[in-house]
Amino acid sequence: MFRNPILLVVLAVLGLFAVGLVLIGAFPPSVTPQPVERTIPNDRFRGR
């Protein structure tokens, strides 16, 4: 008798997780594009 409520809670949590994944997949959050600006160290261009 004690197993059924725990099993029900586990199934409910897994169901909510699955619904959340479907919602995120169907309506992904918007991402604002930003340019990538990296500085390259000058020691790479030194002569040997």
PDB file of N, CA and C in Angstrom:
ATOM      1  N   MET A   1       0.820  -1.193   0.000  1.00  0.00           N
ATOM      2  CA  MET A   1       0.000   0.000   0.000  1.00  0.00           C
ATOM      3  C   MET A   1       0.867   1.262   0.000  1.00  0.00           C
ATOM      4  N   PHE A   2       2.058   1.169   0.555  1.00  0.00           N
ATOM      5  CA  PHE A   2       2.939   2.339   0.625  1.00  0.00           C
ATOM      6  C   PHE A   2       3.613   2.609  -0.720  1.00  0.00           C
ATOM      7  N   ARG A   3       3.707   1.597  -1.593  1.00  0.00           N
ATOM      8  CA  ARG A   3       4.396   1.784  -2.862  1.00  0.00           C
ATOM      9  C   ARG A   3       3.593   2.631  -3.840  1.00  0.00           C
ATOM     10  N   ASN A   4       2.320   2.523  -3.852  1.00  0.00           N
ATOM     11  CA  ASN A   4       1.512   3.217  -4.851  1.00  0.00           C
ATOM     12  C   ASN A   4       1.612   4.738  -4.777  1.00  0.00           C
ATOM     13  N   PRO A   5       1.544   5.364  -3.604  1.00  0.00           N
ATOM     14  CA  PRO A   5       1.699   6.834  -3.594  1.00  0.00           C
ATOM     15  C   PRO A   5       3.082   7.280  -4.055  1.00  0.00           C
ATOM     16  N   ILE A   6       4.119   6.559  -3.699  1.00  0.00           N
ATOM     17  CA  ILE A   6       5.472   6.936  -4.126  1.00  0.00           C
ATOM     18  C   ILE A   6       5.601   6.763  -5.638  1.00  0.00           C
ATOM     19  N   LEU A   7       5.052   5.679  -6.162  1.00  0.00           N
ATOM     20  CA  LEU A   7       5.083   5.460  -7.605  1.00  0.00           C
ATOM     21  C   LEU A   7       4.304   6.550  -8.328  1.00  0.00           C
ATOM     22  N   LEU A   8       3.193   6.957  -7.771  1.00  0.00           N
ATOM     23  CA  LEU A   8       2.394   8.023  -8.377  1.00  0.00           C
ATOM     24  C   LEU A   8       3.161   9.350  -8.390  1.00  0.00           C
ATOM     25  N   VAL A   9       3.859   9.657  -7.315  1.00  0.00           N
ATOM     26  CA  VAL A   9       4.645  10.898  -7.247  1.00  0.00           C
ATOM     27  C   VAL A   9       5.792  10.851  -8.246  1.00  0.00           C
ATOM     28  N   VAL A  10       6.465   9.718  -8.362  1.00  0.00           N
ATOM     29  CA  VAL A  10       7.578   9.583  -9.308  1.00  0.00           C
ATOM     30  C   VAL A  10       7.072   9.738 -10.738  1.00  0.00           C
ATOM     31  N   LEU A  11       5.939   9.116 -11.054  1.00  0.00           N
ATOM     32  CA  LEU A  11       5.379   9.257 -12.394  1.00  0.00           C
ATOM     33  C   LEU A  11       4.943  10.690 -12.674  1.00  0.00           C
ATOM     34  N   ALA A  12       4.410  11.380 -11.678  1.00  0.00           N
ATOM     35  CA  ALA A  12       3.997  12.778 -11.865  1.00  0.00           C
ATOM     36  C   ALA A  12       5.211  13.666 -12.126  1.00  0.00           C
ATOM     37  N   VAL A  13       6.292  13.453 -11.394  1.00  0.00           N
ATOM     38  CA  VAL A  13       7.503  14.252 -11.592  1.00  0.00           C
ATOM     39  C   VAL A  13       8.093  13.984 -12.974  1.00  0.00           C
ATOM     40  N   LEU A  14       8.131  12.722 -13.386  1.00  0.00           N
ATOM     41  CA  LEU A  14       8.654  12.401 -14.713  1.00  0.00           C
ATOM     42  C   LEU A  14       7.758  12.978 -15.812  1.00  0.00           C
ATOM     43  N   GLY A  15       6.460  12.981 -15.598  1.00  0.00           N
ATOM     44  CA  GLY A  15       5.542  13.567 -16.559  1.00  0.00           C
ATOM     45  C   GLY A  15       5.742  15.063 -16.688  1.00  0.00           C
ATOM     46  N   LEU A  16       5.902  15.750 -15.566  1.00  0.00           N
ATOM     47  CA  LEU A  16       6.155  17.196 -15.614  1.00  0.00           C
ATOM     48  C   LEU A  16       7.483  17.503 -16.301  1.00  0.00           C
ATOM     49  N   PHE A  17       8.479  16.681 -16.069  1.00  0.00           N
ATOM     50  CA  PHE A  17       9.774  16.858 -16.715  1.00  0.00           C
ATOM     51  C   PHE A  17       9.638  16.687 -18.226  1.00  0.00           C
ATOM     52  N   ALA A  18       8.896  15.670 -18.646  1.00  0.00           N
ATOM     53  CA  ALA A  18       8.702  15.432 -20.077  1.00  0.00           C
ATOM     54  C   ALA A  18       7.932  16.584 -20.718  1.00  0.00           C
ATOM     55  N   VAL A  19       6.902  17.091 -20.045  1.00  0.00           N
ATOM     56  CA  VAL A  19       6.131  18.216 -20.576  1.00  0.00           C
ATOM     57  C   VAL A  19       7.014  19.454 -20.675  1.00  0.00           C
ATOM     58  N   GLY A  20       7.869  19.676 -19.692  1.00  0.00           N
ATOM     59  CA  GLY A  20       8.789  20.807 -19.742  1.00  0.00           C
ATOM     60  C   GLY A  20       9.752  20.716 -20.909  1.00  0.00           C
ATOM     61  N   LEU A  21      10.273  19.512 -21.172  1.00  0.00           N
ATOM     62  CA  LEU A  21      11.174  19.343 -22.313  1.00  0.00           C
ATOM     63  C   LEU A  21      10.452  19.598 -23.635  1.00  0.00           C
ATOM     64  N   VAL A  22       9.216  19.143 -23.733  1.00  0.00           N
ATOM     65  CA  VAL A  22       8.456  19.366 -24.962  1.00  0.00           C
ATOM     66  C   VAL A  22       8.185  20.856 -25.148  1.00  0.00           C
ATOM     67  N   LEU A  23       7.839  21.558 -24.075  1.00  0.00           N
ATOM     68  CA  LEU A  23       7.568  22.991 -24.185  1.00  0.00           C
ATOM     69  C   LEU A  23       8.821  23.781 -24.550  1.00  0.00           C
ATOM     70  N   ILE A  24       9.951  23.415 -23.977  1.00  0.00           N
ATOM     71  CA  ILE A  24      11.198  24.107 -24.315  1.00  0.00           C
ATOM     72  C   ILE A  24      11.593  23.803 -25.759  1.00  0.00           C
ATOM     73  N   GLY A  25      11.340  22.577 -26.207  1.00  0.00           N
ATOM     74  CA  GLY A  25      11.646  22.232 -27.592  1.00  0.00           C
ATOM     75  C   GLY A  25      10.724  22.933 -28.582  1.00  0.00           C
ATOM     76  N   ALA A  26       9.454  23.102 -28.207  1.00  0.00           N
ATOM     77  CA  ALA A  26       8.496  23.724 -29.114  1.00  0.00           C
ATOM     78  C   ALA A  26       8.648  25.242 -29.134  1.00  0.00           C
ATOM     79  N   PHE A  27       8.936  25.826 -27.976  1.00  0.00           N
ATOM     80  CA  PHE A  27       9.068  27.278 -27.859  1.00  0.00           C
ATOM     81  C   PHE A  27      10.412  27.612 -27.214  1.00  0.00           C
ATOM     82  N   PRO A  28      11.504  27.544 -27.980  1.00  0.00           N
ATOM     83  CA  PRO A  28      12.819  27.809 -27.384  1.00  0.00           C
ATOM     84  C   PRO A  28      12.953  29.278 -26.975  1.00  0.00           C
ATOM     85  N   PRO A  29      13.736  29.548 -25.943  1.00  0.00           N
ATOM     86  CA  PRO A  29      13.940  30.940 -25.532  1.00  0.00           C
ATOM     87  C   PRO A  29      14.722  31.701 -26.591  1.00  0.00           C
ATOM     88  N   SER A  30      14.412  32.971 -26.720  1.00  0.00           N
ATOM     89  CA  SER A  30      15.096  33.784 -27.727  1.00  0.00           C
ATOM     90  C   SER A  30      16.497  34.153 -27.244  1.00  0.00           C
ATOM     91  N   VAL A  31      17.417  34.165 -28.185  1.00  0.00           N
ATOM     92  CA  VAL A  31      18.810  34.488 -27.890  1.00  0.00           C
ATOM     93  C   VAL A  31      19.179  35.727 -28.682  1.00  0.00           C
ATOM     94  N   THR A  32      19.759  36.709 -28.009  1.00  0.00           N
ATOM     95  CA  THR A  32      20.195  37.918 -28.708  1.00  0.00           C
ATOM     96  C   THR A  32      21.608  37.705 -29.233  1.00  0.00           C
ATOM     97  N   PRO A  33      21.816  37.833 -30.532  1.00  0.00           N
ATOM     98  CA  PRO A  33      23.159  37.625 -31.081  1.00  0.00           C
ATOM     99  C   PRO A  33      24.095  38.762 -30.686  1.00  0.00           C
ATOM    100  N   GLN A  34      25.299  38.397 -30.327  1.00  0.00           N
ATOM    101  CA  GLN A  34      26.323  39.376 -29.968  1.00  0.00           C
ATOM    102  C   GLN A  34      27.607  39.011 -30.695  1.00  0.00           C
ATOM    103  N   PRO A  35      28.345  40.004 -31.170  1.00  0.00           N
ATOM    104  CA  PRO A  35      29.603  39.681 -31.860  1.00  0.00           C
ATOM    105  C   PRO A  35      30.651  39.166 -30.865  1.00  0.00           C
ATOM    106  N   VAL A  36      31.459  38.255 -31.353  1.00  0.00           N
ATOM    107  CA  VAL A  36      32.535  37.692 -30.526  1.00  0.00           C
ATOM    108  C   VAL A  36      33.787  38.513 -30.772  1.00  0.00           C
ATOM    109  N   GLU A  37      34.299  39.116 -29.723  1.00  0.00           N
ATOM    110  CA  GLU A  37      35.507  39.922 -29.837  1.00  0.00           C
ATOM    111  C   GLU A  37      36.531  39.388 -28.851  1.00  0.00           C
ATOM    112  N   ARG A  38      37.534  38.733 -29.396  1.00  0.00           N
ATOM    113  CA  ARG A  38      38.593  38.180 -28.546  1.00  0.00           C
ATOM    114  C   ARG A  38      39.915  38.826 -28.919  1.00  0.00           C
ATOM    115  N   THR A  39      40.712  39.093 -27.928  1.00  0.00           N
ATOM    116  CA  THR A  39      42.044  39.632 -28.201  1.00  0.00           C
ATOM    117  C   THR A  39      43.018  38.467 -28.307  1.00  0.00           C
ATOM    118  N   ILE A  40      43.844  38.522 -29.330  1.00  0.00           N
ATOM    119  CA  ILE A  40      44.847  37.478 -29.537  1.00  0.00           C
ATOM    120  C   ILE A  40      46.152  37.976 -28.943  1.00  0.00           C
ATOM    121  N   PRO A  41      46.779  37.155 -28.101  1.00  0.00           N
ATOM    122  CA  PRO A  41      48.050  37.593 -27.514  1.00  0.00           C
ATOM    123  C   PRO A  41      49.112  37.825 -28.592  1.00  0.00           C
ATOM    124  N   ASN A  42      49.933  38.841 -28.384  1.00  0.00           N
ATOM    125  CA  ASN A  42      50.932  39.236 -29.366  1.00  0.00           C
ATOM    126  C   ASN A  42      52.098  38.256 -29.427  1.00  0.00           C
ATOM    127  N   ASP A  43      52.318  37.432 -28.427  1.00  0.00           N
ATOM    128  CA  ASP A  43      53.476  36.540 -28.428  1.00  0.00           C
ATOM    129  C   ASP A  43      53.343  35.427 -29.471  1.00  0.00           C
ATOM    130  N   ARG A  44      52.192  35.230 -30.019  1.00  0.00           N
ATOM    131  CA  ARG A  44      52.034  34.209 -31.063  1.00  0.00           C
ATOM    132  C   ARG A  44      52.653  34.665 -32.387  1.00  0.00           C
ATOM    133  N   PHE A  45      52.799  35.962 -32.584  1.00  0.00           N
ATOM    134  CA  PHE A  45      53.270  36.480 -33.859  1.00  0.00           C
ATOM    135  C   PHE A  45      54.731  36.915 -33.813  1.00  0.00           C
ATOM    136  N   ARG A  46      55.427  36.543 -32.760  1.00  0.00           N
ATOM    137  CA  ARG A  46      56.839  36.892 -32.675  1.00  0.00           C
ATOM    138  C   ARG A  46      57.685  35.979 -33.546  1.00  0.00           C
ATOM    139  N   GLY A  47      58.748  36.493 -34.077  1.00  0.00           N
ATOM    140  CA  GLY A  47      59.668  35.671 -34.864  1.00  0.00           C
ATOM    141  C   GLY A  47      60.471  34.764 -33.954  1.00  0.00           C
ATOM    142  N   ARG A  48      60.932  33.694 -34.532  1.00  0.00           N
ATOM    143  CA  ARG A  48      61.704  32.728 -33.719  1.00  0.00           C
ATOM    144  C   ARG A  48      63.160  32.996 -33.757  1.00  0.00           C
TER     145      ARG A  48
END
